[in-house]
């Protein structure tokens, strides 16, 4: 019976110690939670809610000769939305990404390319939309005919850009494509 009393006393002492630690643990847990929320709030503020820093123009673009107006350019995405870009580029049209198997690889190598086309005039945008399926097919056939060696080098990429420009221009009557730009180029 004395042993039972000792065990009961030990259990009561352990419960009292746990009860004494419980408020302290709650306070520490609250402090940690506040610190985590404050850190998350600071991260969100600095990355999502601050205004983007203004970009300064290079010295050669800042001065415009008297009597001339600076060129304006814009990007027209495949959704039809226009955005401002560098004055050196004309109107842009972004194509959806292309993913093809490279020729001669037996299906082991593929190429993923996203292309933006520089248009000669904004009116070319509607002409590209009307011929979108033909243009996409022509580019897919061209890309899938290329081998790894054809597209791996810088010279090969420039040749590919020229070939894409030539192929797209075949479908246009009102204007033309000035150049093609790779915005994504992945070879696996």
N, C-alpha and C. Protein backbone atom coordinates (compact mmCIF):
# COMPACT_ATOMS: atom_id res chain seq x y z
N UNK A 1 0.80 -1.17 0.00
CA UNK A 1 0.00 0.00 0.00
C UNK A 1 0.86 1.26 0.00
N UNK A 2 1.97 1.20 0.69
CA UNK A 2 2.89 2.33 0.71
C UNK A 2 3.47 2.56 -0.68
N UNK A 3 3.70 1.45 -1.39
CA UNK A 3 4.22 1.57 -2.75
C UNK A 3 3.19 2.22 -3.66
N UNK A 4 1.93 1.86 -3.50
CA UNK A 4 0.87 2.48 -4.29
C UNK A 4 0.79 3.98 -4.02
N UNK A 5 0.96 4.35 -2.75
CA UNK A 5 0.90 5.76 -2.38
C UNK A 5 2.06 6.52 -3.03
N UNK A 6 3.24 5.90 -3.09
CA UNK A 6 4.41 6.54 -3.71
C UNK A 6 4.17 6.74 -5.22
N UNK A 7 3.59 5.76 -5.84
CA UNK A 7 3.32 5.84 -7.28
C UNK A 7 2.30 6.95 -7.54
N UNK A 8 1.28 7.02 -6.71
CA UNK A 8 0.26 8.06 -6.86
C UNK A 8 0.88 9.43 -6.64
N UNK A 9 1.76 9.56 -5.66
CA UNK A 9 2.43 10.84 -5.40
C UNK A 9 3.30 11.25 -6.58
N UNK A 10 3.99 10.29 -7.16
CA UNK A 10 4.84 10.58 -8.32
C UNK A 10 4.00 11.03 -9.51
N UNK A 11 2.86 10.37 -9.74
CA UNK A 11 1.98 10.76 -10.84
C UNK A 11 1.41 12.16 -10.64
N UNK A 12 1.02 12.47 -9.39
CA UNK A 12 0.51 13.81 -9.10
C UNK A 12 1.59 14.86 -9.30
N UNK A 13 2.82 14.56 -8.93
CA UNK A 13 3.94 15.49 -9.10
C UNK A 13 4.21 15.72 -10.60
N UNK A 14 4.12 14.65 -11.37
CA UNK A 14 4.33 14.77 -12.82
C UNK A 14 3.23 15.60 -13.46
N UNK A 15 1.98 15.42 -13.03
CA UNK A 15 0.87 16.21 -13.57
C UNK A 15 1.03 17.69 -13.21
N UNK A 16 1.48 17.98 -11.98
CA UNK A 16 1.69 19.37 -11.56
C UNK A 16 2.81 20.00 -12.38
N UNK A 17 3.87 19.25 -12.66
CA UNK A 17 4.99 19.77 -13.46
C UNK A 17 4.53 20.04 -14.89
N UNK A 18 3.71 19.13 -15.44
CA UNK A 18 3.21 19.32 -16.80
C UNK A 18 2.29 20.53 -16.85
N UNK A 19 1.46 20.69 -15.81
CA UNK A 19 0.55 21.84 -15.76
C UNK A 19 1.34 23.14 -15.64
N UNK A 20 2.46 23.12 -14.93
CA UNK A 20 3.29 24.32 -14.77
C UNK A 20 3.98 24.66 -16.10
N UNK A 21 4.37 23.66 -16.88
CA UNK A 21 5.05 23.90 -18.15
C UNK A 21 4.07 24.30 -19.25
N UNK A 22 2.85 23.91 -19.16
CA UNK A 22 1.86 24.16 -20.20
C UNK A 22 1.69 25.63 -20.53
N UNK A 23 1.51 26.54 -19.57
CA UNK A 23 1.37 27.97 -19.92
C UNK A 23 2.64 28.51 -20.58
N UNK A 24 3.80 28.05 -20.12
CA UNK A 24 5.05 28.52 -20.71
C UNK A 24 5.16 28.07 -22.17
N UNK A 25 4.74 26.84 -22.45
CA UNK A 25 4.78 26.33 -23.82
C UNK A 25 3.80 27.09 -24.71
N UNK A 26 2.65 27.45 -24.17
CA UNK A 26 1.68 28.23 -24.93
C UNK A 26 2.24 29.60 -25.28
N UNK A 27 2.91 30.23 -24.35
CA UNK A 27 3.50 31.55 -24.60
C UNK A 27 4.58 31.45 -25.67
N UNK A 28 5.48 30.46 -25.54
CA UNK A 28 6.54 30.29 -26.54
C UNK A 28 5.96 29.96 -27.90
N UNK A 29 4.93 29.12 -27.93
CA UNK A 29 4.28 28.79 -29.21
C UNK A 29 3.66 30.02 -29.84
N UNK A 30 3.06 30.88 -29.05
CA UNK A 30 2.48 32.13 -29.56
C UNK A 30 3.54 33.05 -30.13
N UNK A 31 4.68 33.15 -29.45
CA UNK A 31 5.76 34.00 -29.94
C UNK A 31 6.30 33.48 -31.27
N UNK A 32 6.47 32.17 -31.36
CA UNK A 32 6.96 31.57 -32.62
C UNK A 32 5.95 31.81 -33.74
N UNK A 33 4.67 31.65 -33.45
CA UNK A 33 3.63 31.85 -34.47
C UNK A 33 3.64 33.30 -34.96
N UNK A 34 3.79 34.26 -34.04
CA UNK A 34 3.83 35.68 -34.43
C UNK A 34 5.06 35.95 -35.30
N UNK A 35 6.20 35.36 -34.93
CA UNK A 35 7.41 35.57 -35.71
C UNK A 35 7.25 35.01 -37.13
N UNK A 36 6.64 33.84 -37.26
CA UNK A 36 6.43 33.23 -38.58
C UNK A 36 5.48 34.09 -39.41
N UNK A 37 4.40 34.55 -38.82
CA UNK A 37 3.45 35.40 -39.55
C UNK A 37 4.09 36.73 -39.96
N UNK A 38 4.90 37.31 -39.08
CA UNK A 38 5.57 38.57 -39.41
C UNK A 38 6.55 38.36 -40.57
N UNK A 39 7.29 37.26 -40.53
CA UNK A 39 8.24 36.96 -41.62
C UNK A 39 7.52 36.74 -42.94
N UNK A 40 6.41 36.00 -42.90
CA UNK A 40 5.63 35.77 -44.12
C UNK A 40 5.03 37.06 -44.66
N UNK A 41 4.57 37.92 -43.77
CA UNK A 41 4.03 39.21 -44.20
C UNK A 41 5.09 40.08 -44.84
N UNK A 42 6.29 40.10 -44.24
CA UNK A 42 7.38 40.90 -44.81
C UNK A 42 7.76 40.37 -46.19
N UNK A 43 7.84 39.04 -46.34
CA UNK A 43 8.18 38.44 -47.63
C UNK A 43 7.13 38.80 -48.68
N UNK A 44 5.86 38.68 -48.33
CA UNK A 44 4.80 39.00 -49.28
C UNK A 44 4.84 40.48 -49.66
N UNK A 45 5.08 41.35 -48.70
CA UNK A 45 5.14 42.78 -48.99
C UNK A 45 6.29 43.11 -49.94
N UNK A 46 7.47 42.58 -49.66
CA UNK A 46 8.63 42.93 -50.50
C UNK A 46 8.56 42.31 -51.88
N UNK A 47 7.90 41.16 -52.03
CA UNK A 47 7.88 40.49 -53.33
C UNK A 47 6.63 40.72 -54.15
N UNK A 48 5.53 41.07 -53.54
CA UNK A 48 4.28 41.15 -54.28
C UNK A 48 3.63 42.52 -54.25
N UNK A 49 3.83 43.30 -53.22
CA UNK A 49 3.07 44.53 -53.07
C UNK A 49 3.86 45.80 -53.34
N UNK A 50 5.17 45.73 -53.44
CA UNK A 50 5.94 46.92 -53.74
C UNK A 50 5.92 47.18 -55.24
N UNK A 51 5.94 48.45 -55.61
CA UNK A 51 5.97 48.81 -57.03
C UNK A 51 7.32 48.43 -57.62
N UNK A 52 7.30 48.02 -58.87
CA UNK A 52 8.54 47.66 -59.55
C UNK A 52 9.40 48.91 -59.72
N UNK A 53 10.72 48.79 -59.58
CA UNK A 53 11.57 49.97 -59.74
C UNK A 53 11.49 50.49 -61.16
N UNK A 54 11.49 51.80 -61.29
CA UNK A 54 11.40 52.39 -62.63
C UNK A 54 12.70 52.16 -63.37
N UNK A 55 12.57 51.90 -64.65
CA UNK A 55 13.75 51.63 -65.47
C UNK A 55 14.17 52.93 -66.15
N UNK A 56 15.48 53.16 -66.11
CA UNK A 56 16.00 54.34 -66.77
C UNK A 56 16.40 53.98 -68.18
N UNK A 57 16.17 54.91 -69.10
CA UNK A 57 16.54 54.67 -70.50
C UNK A 57 18.05 54.87 -70.66
N UNK A 58 18.67 54.08 -71.53
CA UNK A 58 20.08 54.32 -71.84
C UNK A 58 20.24 55.69 -72.50
N UNK A 59 21.43 56.21 -72.44
CA UNK A 59 21.69 57.56 -72.95
C UNK A 59 21.35 57.69 -74.43
N UNK A 60 21.57 56.63 -75.25
CA UNK A 60 21.29 56.72 -76.67
C UNK A 60 19.79 56.75 -76.97
N UNK A 61 18.95 56.31 -76.06
CA UNK A 61 17.51 56.34 -76.29
C UNK A 61 16.87 57.56 -75.65
N UNK A 62 17.55 58.20 -74.72
CA UNK A 62 16.97 59.32 -73.99
C UNK A 62 16.80 60.54 -74.89
N UNK A 63 17.76 60.79 -75.77
CA UNK A 63 17.69 61.97 -76.62
C UNK A 63 17.05 61.62 -77.95
N UNK A 64 16.03 62.38 -78.34
CA UNK A 64 15.36 62.20 -79.61
C UNK A 64 15.60 63.47 -80.42
N UNK A 65 16.06 63.34 -81.67
CA UNK A 65 16.33 64.54 -82.48
C UNK A 65 15.08 65.42 -82.61
N UNK A 66 15.31 66.72 -82.76
CA UNK A 66 14.21 67.68 -82.86
C UNK A 66 13.35 67.37 -84.08
N UNK A 67 12.05 67.46 -83.92
CA UNK A 67 11.13 67.23 -85.02
C UNK A 67 10.75 65.77 -85.19
N UNK A 68 11.37 64.87 -84.45
CA UNK A 68 11.04 63.45 -84.57
C UNK A 68 10.36 62.99 -83.29
N UNK A 69 9.53 62.00 -83.44
CA UNK A 69 8.90 61.40 -82.27
C UNK A 69 9.52 60.05 -82.05
N UNK A 70 9.65 59.64 -80.81
CA UNK A 70 10.25 58.32 -80.56
C UNK A 70 9.34 57.23 -81.07
N UNK A 71 9.95 56.13 -81.52
CA UNK A 71 9.18 54.98 -81.99
C UNK A 71 8.49 54.34 -80.81
N UNK A 72 7.28 53.89 -81.03
CA UNK A 72 6.58 53.15 -80.00
C UNK A 72 6.42 51.73 -80.46
N UNK A 73 6.58 50.81 -79.55
CA UNK A 73 6.42 49.41 -79.88
C UNK A 73 5.56 48.74 -78.84
N UNK A 74 5.09 47.58 -79.16
CA UNK A 74 4.28 46.85 -78.20
C UNK A 74 4.35 45.36 -78.47
N UNK A 75 3.99 44.60 -77.49
CA UNK A 75 3.91 43.16 -77.66
C UNK A 75 2.44 42.81 -77.74
N UNK A 76 2.10 42.02 -78.72
CA UNK A 76 0.75 41.51 -78.81
C UNK A 76 0.86 40.03 -78.56
N UNK A 77 0.32 39.58 -77.46
CA UNK A 77 0.40 38.16 -77.13
C UNK A 77 -0.69 37.42 -77.88
N UNK A 78 -0.63 36.10 -77.83
CA UNK A 78 -1.62 35.32 -78.56
C UNK A 78 -3.03 35.56 -78.01
N UNK A 79 -3.13 36.15 -76.82
CA UNK A 79 -4.42 36.51 -76.27
C UNK A 79 -4.93 37.83 -76.82
N UNK A 80 -4.11 38.55 -77.59
CA UNK A 80 -4.51 39.81 -78.20
C UNK A 80 -4.24 41.02 -77.33
N UNK A 81 -3.60 40.85 -76.18
CA UNK A 81 -3.32 41.95 -75.27
C UNK A 81 -2.01 42.62 -75.70
N UNK A 82 -1.98 43.94 -75.69
CA UNK A 82 -0.79 44.66 -76.11
C UNK A 82 -0.08 45.23 -74.91
N UNK A 83 1.26 45.08 -74.86
CA UNK A 83 2.06 45.58 -73.76
C UNK A 83 3.19 46.42 -74.34
N UNK A 84 3.68 47.40 -73.57
CA UNK A 84 4.79 48.23 -74.02
C UNK A 84 6.10 47.48 -73.87
N UNK A 85 7.01 47.69 -74.84
CA UNK A 85 8.33 47.10 -74.79
C UNK A 85 9.33 48.11 -75.30
N UNK A 86 10.54 47.66 -75.55
CA UNK A 86 11.61 48.52 -76.03
C UNK A 86 11.23 49.19 -77.34
N UNK A 87 11.59 50.47 -77.52
CA UNK A 87 11.23 51.15 -78.76
C UNK A 87 11.97 50.60 -79.98
N UNK A 88 13.00 49.79 -79.80
CA UNK A 88 13.74 49.24 -80.93
C UNK A 88 12.99 48.09 -81.60
N UNK A 89 12.05 47.48 -80.91
CA UNK A 89 11.30 46.36 -81.46
C UNK A 89 9.95 46.84 -81.96
N UNK A 90 9.46 46.18 -83.00
CA UNK A 90 8.13 46.50 -83.51
C UNK A 90 7.08 45.75 -82.71
N UNK A 91 5.93 45.60 -83.31
CA UNK A 91 4.85 44.86 -82.68
C UNK A 91 5.23 43.39 -82.66
N UNK A 92 5.01 42.75 -81.50
CA UNK A 92 5.40 41.35 -81.34
C UNK A 92 4.17 40.47 -81.22
N UNK A 93 4.29 39.23 -81.69
CA UNK A 93 3.23 38.23 -81.58
C UNK A 93 3.86 36.97 -81.02
N UNK A 94 3.42 36.54 -79.86
CA UNK A 94 3.98 35.35 -79.22
C UNK A 94 3.19 34.11 -79.63
N UNK A 95 3.91 33.10 -80.09
CA UNK A 95 3.29 31.83 -80.45
C UNK A 95 3.31 30.91 -79.23
N UNK A 96 2.42 29.94 -79.23
CA UNK A 96 2.41 28.94 -78.17
C UNK A 96 3.68 28.10 -78.29
N UNK A 97 4.13 27.49 -77.18
CA UNK A 97 5.35 26.66 -77.23
C UNK A 97 5.19 25.47 -78.17
N UNK A 98 6.31 25.11 -78.81
CA UNK A 98 6.38 23.95 -79.69
C UNK A 98 7.23 22.89 -79.00
N UNK A 99 6.76 21.65 -78.98
CA UNK A 99 7.54 20.53 -78.45
C UNK A 99 7.55 19.45 -79.51
N UNK A 100 8.76 19.12 -79.99
CA UNK A 100 8.90 18.11 -81.05
C UNK A 100 10.05 17.17 -80.73
N UNK A 101 9.96 15.95 -81.27
CA UNK A 101 11.09 15.02 -81.22
C UNK A 101 12.07 15.43 -82.31
N UNK A 102 13.35 15.41 -81.99
CA UNK A 102 14.36 15.74 -82.99
C UNK A 102 14.57 14.56 -83.93
N UNK A 103 14.85 14.88 -85.19
CA UNK A 103 15.06 13.84 -86.20
C UNK A 103 16.33 13.06 -85.86
N UNK A 104 16.31 11.77 -86.18
CA UNK A 104 17.50 10.93 -86.00
C UNK A 104 17.80 10.57 -84.56
N UNK A 105 16.90 10.87 -83.63
CA UNK A 105 17.18 10.57 -82.23
C UNK A 105 16.41 9.35 -81.75
N UNK A 106 15.55 8.81 -82.59
CA UNK A 106 14.75 7.66 -82.19
C UNK A 106 13.81 7.98 -81.04
N UNK A 107 13.39 9.23 -80.95
CA UNK A 107 12.47 9.64 -79.89
C UNK A 107 13.13 9.89 -78.56
N UNK A 108 14.47 9.88 -78.52
CA UNK A 108 15.17 10.07 -77.25
C UNK A 108 15.51 11.53 -76.97
N UNK A 109 15.46 12.37 -77.98
CA UNK A 109 15.75 13.80 -77.79
C UNK A 109 14.56 14.60 -78.27
N UNK A 110 14.24 15.65 -77.50
CA UNK A 110 13.17 16.54 -77.94
C UNK A 110 13.61 17.98 -77.83
N UNK A 111 12.86 18.83 -78.50
CA UNK A 111 13.14 20.26 -78.53
C UNK A 111 11.87 20.99 -78.12
N UNK A 112 12.01 21.91 -77.17
CA UNK A 112 10.90 22.77 -76.78
C UNK A 112 11.31 24.20 -77.10
N UNK A 113 10.50 24.87 -77.92
CA UNK A 113 10.81 26.23 -78.37
C UNK A 113 9.57 27.10 -78.22
N UNK A 114 9.77 28.29 -77.68
CA UNK A 114 8.73 29.31 -77.67
C UNK A 114 9.26 30.46 -78.52
N UNK A 115 8.43 30.93 -79.43
CA UNK A 115 8.87 31.91 -80.43
C UNK A 115 7.99 33.15 -80.35
N UNK A 116 8.63 34.32 -80.46
CA UNK A 116 7.91 35.58 -80.63
C UNK A 116 8.29 36.13 -81.99
N UNK A 117 7.28 36.58 -82.74
CA UNK A 117 7.51 37.10 -84.08
C UNK A 117 7.40 38.61 -84.07
N UNK A 118 8.36 39.27 -84.70
CA UNK A 118 8.31 40.73 -84.83
C UNK A 118 7.57 41.06 -86.12
N UNK A 119 6.46 41.76 -86.00
CA UNK A 119 5.60 42.07 -87.14
C UNK A 119 5.99 43.40 -87.77
N UNK A 120 5.78 43.51 -89.09
CA UNK A 120 6.11 44.76 -89.78
C UNK A 120 5.08 45.84 -89.47
N UNK A 121 3.85 45.43 -89.15
CA UNK A 121 2.78 46.39 -88.84
C UNK A 121 1.75 45.69 -87.96
N UNK A 122 0.99 46.46 -87.19
CA UNK A 122 -0.03 45.84 -86.33
C UNK A 122 -1.10 45.07 -87.12
N UNK A 123 -1.32 45.42 -88.37
CA UNK A 123 -2.33 44.73 -89.17
C UNK A 123 -1.95 43.29 -89.47
N UNK A 124 -0.68 42.95 -89.38
CA UNK A 124 -0.22 41.59 -89.64
C UNK A 124 -0.75 40.64 -88.55
N UNK A 125 -1.04 41.19 -87.39
CA UNK A 125 -1.55 40.39 -86.27
C UNK A 125 -2.80 39.60 -86.67
N UNK A 126 -3.75 40.26 -87.32
CA UNK A 126 -4.98 39.57 -87.72
C UNK A 126 -4.70 38.53 -88.81
N UNK A 127 -3.76 38.83 -89.68
CA UNK A 127 -3.41 37.88 -90.74
C UNK A 127 -2.76 36.62 -90.15
N UNK A 128 -1.96 36.80 -89.11
CA UNK A 128 -1.34 35.63 -88.46
C UNK A 128 -2.42 34.81 -87.76
N UNK A 129 -3.36 35.48 -87.11
CA UNK A 129 -4.45 34.75 -86.44
C UNK A 129 -5.26 33.94 -87.44
N UNK A 130 -5.51 34.49 -88.62
CA UNK A 130 -6.28 33.79 -89.64
C UNK A 130 -5.54 32.56 -90.16
N UNK A 131 -4.23 32.61 -90.19
CA UNK A 131 -3.41 31.51 -90.72
C UNK A 131 -2.68 30.75 -89.61
N UNK A 132 -3.16 30.83 -88.39
CA UNK A 132 -2.45 30.24 -87.24
C UNK A 132 -2.20 28.75 -87.41
N UNK A 133 -3.18 28.01 -87.90
CA UNK A 133 -2.99 26.56 -88.04
C UNK A 133 -1.94 26.24 -89.10
N UNK A 134 -1.96 26.97 -90.21
CA UNK A 134 -0.97 26.74 -91.27
C UNK A 134 0.43 27.08 -90.77
N UNK A 135 0.55 28.19 -90.06
CA UNK A 135 1.86 28.62 -89.55
C UNK A 135 2.38 27.62 -88.53
N UNK A 136 1.51 27.18 -87.61
CA UNK A 136 1.91 26.20 -86.60
C UNK A 136 2.36 24.90 -87.24
N UNK A 137 1.61 24.42 -88.22
CA UNK A 137 1.97 23.19 -88.91
C UNK A 137 3.32 23.33 -89.61
N UNK A 138 3.52 24.43 -90.29
CA UNK A 138 4.77 24.64 -91.02
C UNK A 138 5.97 24.68 -90.07
N UNK A 139 5.82 25.33 -88.93
CA UNK A 139 6.92 25.40 -87.96
C UNK A 139 7.15 24.04 -87.32
N UNK A 140 6.08 23.30 -87.03
CA UNK A 140 6.24 21.96 -86.45
C UNK A 140 6.99 21.03 -87.40
N UNK A 141 6.65 21.07 -88.68
CA UNK A 141 7.33 20.23 -89.67
C UNK A 141 8.81 20.62 -89.76
N UNK A 142 9.08 21.91 -89.75
CA UNK A 142 10.46 22.38 -89.81
C UNK A 142 11.25 21.92 -88.58
N UNK A 143 10.70 22.13 -87.40
CA UNK A 143 11.42 21.78 -86.16
C UNK A 143 11.66 20.28 -86.06
N UNK A 144 10.66 19.48 -86.43
CA UNK A 144 10.82 18.03 -86.31
C UNK A 144 11.77 17.45 -87.36
N UNK A 145 12.11 18.22 -88.38
CA UNK A 145 13.06 17.75 -89.38
C UNK A 145 14.51 18.03 -88.97
N UNK A 146 14.70 18.77 -87.90
CA UNK A 146 16.04 19.14 -87.45
C UNK A 146 16.64 18.07 -86.55
N UNK A 147 17.95 17.87 -86.68
CA UNK A 147 18.67 16.97 -85.80
C UNK A 147 19.29 17.77 -84.66
N UNK A 148 19.80 17.07 -83.67
CA UNK A 148 20.45 17.72 -82.54
C UNK A 148 21.60 18.60 -83.01
N UNK A 149 22.38 18.11 -83.95
CA UNK A 149 23.52 18.86 -84.46
C UNK A 149 23.09 20.14 -85.19
N UNK A 150 21.89 20.11 -85.81
CA UNK A 150 21.39 21.28 -86.54
C UNK A 150 21.04 22.44 -85.62
N UNK A 151 20.56 22.15 -84.42
CA UNK A 151 20.04 23.21 -83.56
C UNK A 151 20.89 23.48 -82.33
N UNK A 152 21.92 22.68 -82.08
CA UNK A 152 22.71 22.83 -80.87
C UNK A 152 23.61 24.06 -80.90
N UNK A 153 24.20 24.36 -82.05
CA UNK A 153 25.15 25.48 -82.14
C UNK A 153 24.42 26.81 -82.28
N UNK A 154 25.14 27.88 -82.01
CA UNK A 154 24.57 29.22 -82.15
C UNK A 154 24.24 29.50 -83.61
N UNK A 155 25.12 29.09 -84.52
CA UNK A 155 24.87 29.29 -85.95
C UNK A 155 23.61 28.54 -86.37
N UNK A 156 23.42 27.33 -85.83
CA UNK A 156 22.23 26.55 -86.15
C UNK A 156 20.96 27.24 -85.67
N UNK A 157 21.04 27.89 -84.52
CA UNK A 157 19.86 28.61 -84.01
C UNK A 157 19.54 29.81 -84.91
N UNK A 158 20.56 30.52 -85.38
CA UNK A 158 20.32 31.65 -86.28
C UNK A 158 19.73 31.18 -87.61
N UNK A 159 20.24 30.05 -88.14
CA UNK A 159 19.66 29.50 -89.37
C UNK A 159 18.20 29.12 -89.16
N UNK A 160 17.91 28.54 -88.00
CA UNK A 160 16.54 28.15 -87.69
C UNK A 160 15.63 29.37 -87.60
N UNK A 161 16.10 30.44 -87.00
CA UNK A 161 15.31 31.68 -86.93
C UNK A 161 15.00 32.20 -88.33
N UNK A 162 16.00 32.16 -89.21
CA UNK A 162 15.78 32.63 -90.59
C UNK A 162 14.78 31.74 -91.33
N UNK A 163 14.88 30.43 -91.13
CA UNK A 163 13.95 29.51 -91.78
C UNK A 163 12.53 29.70 -91.27
N UNK A 164 12.37 29.95 -89.98
CA UNK A 164 11.04 30.20 -89.42
C UNK A 164 10.46 31.48 -90.00
N UNK A 165 11.27 32.53 -90.08
CA UNK A 165 10.81 33.80 -90.66
C UNK A 165 10.37 33.61 -92.10
N UNK A 166 11.14 32.88 -92.88
CA UNK A 166 10.80 32.63 -94.28
C UNK A 166 9.50 31.84 -94.40
N UNK A 167 9.35 30.81 -93.58
CA UNK A 167 8.14 29.98 -93.65
C UNK A 167 6.90 30.76 -93.26
N UNK A 168 6.97 31.57 -92.23
CA UNK A 168 5.80 32.34 -91.80
C UNK A 168 5.44 33.37 -92.86
N UNK A 169 6.44 34.00 -93.45
CA UNK A 169 6.18 35.03 -94.47
C UNK A 169 5.47 34.46 -95.70
N UNK A 170 5.56 33.16 -95.95
CA UNK A 170 4.86 32.55 -97.08
C UNK A 170 3.34 32.68 -96.94
N UNK A 171 2.85 32.77 -95.71
CA UNK A 171 1.41 32.82 -95.46
C UNK A 171 0.87 34.24 -95.32
N UNK A 172 1.73 35.24 -95.43
CA UNK A 172 1.31 36.62 -95.22
C UNK A 172 1.30 37.40 -96.52
N UNK A 173 0.25 38.20 -96.72
CA UNK A 173 0.14 39.00 -97.94
C UNK A 173 0.19 40.50 -97.62
N UNK A 174 -0.38 40.91 -96.49
CA UNK A 174 -0.48 42.34 -96.15
C UNK A 174 0.79 42.90 -95.54
N UNK A 175 1.57 42.08 -94.90
CA UNK A 175 2.80 42.53 -94.26
C UNK A 175 3.78 41.39 -94.22
N UNK A 176 4.74 41.49 -93.31
CA UNK A 176 5.72 40.42 -93.21
C UNK A 176 6.26 40.35 -91.78
N UNK A 177 7.00 39.29 -91.54
CA UNK A 177 7.68 39.10 -90.26
C UNK A 177 9.09 39.63 -90.43
N UNK A 178 9.48 40.55 -89.56
CA UNK A 178 10.84 41.08 -89.63
C UNK A 178 11.86 40.08 -89.08
N UNK A 179 11.51 39.46 -87.95
CA UNK A 179 12.44 38.53 -87.33
C UNK A 179 11.69 37.62 -86.37
N UNK A 180 12.30 36.50 -86.03
CA UNK A 180 11.76 35.58 -85.03
C UNK A 180 12.72 35.59 -83.85
N UNK A 181 12.16 35.54 -82.65
CA UNK A 181 12.97 35.55 -81.43
C UNK A 181 12.60 34.33 -80.59
N UNK A 182 13.63 33.62 -80.11
CA UNK A 182 13.39 32.49 -79.23
C UNK A 182 13.28 33.03 -77.81
N UNK A 183 12.15 32.83 -77.17
CA UNK A 183 12.00 33.22 -75.78
C UNK A 183 12.21 32.03 -74.86
N UNK A 184 12.24 30.83 -75.43
CA UNK A 184 12.55 29.62 -74.69
C UNK A 184 13.11 28.63 -75.70
N UNK A 185 14.21 27.98 -75.34
CA UNK A 185 14.85 27.02 -76.25
C UNK A 185 15.47 25.93 -75.39
N UNK A 186 14.82 24.77 -75.35
CA UNK A 186 15.28 23.66 -74.50
C UNK A 186 15.48 22.43 -75.36
N UNK A 187 16.68 21.84 -75.26
CA UNK A 187 16.97 20.59 -75.94
C UNK A 187 17.22 19.55 -74.86
N UNK A 188 16.50 18.45 -74.93
CA UNK A 188 16.67 17.38 -73.94
C UNK A 188 17.12 16.12 -74.63
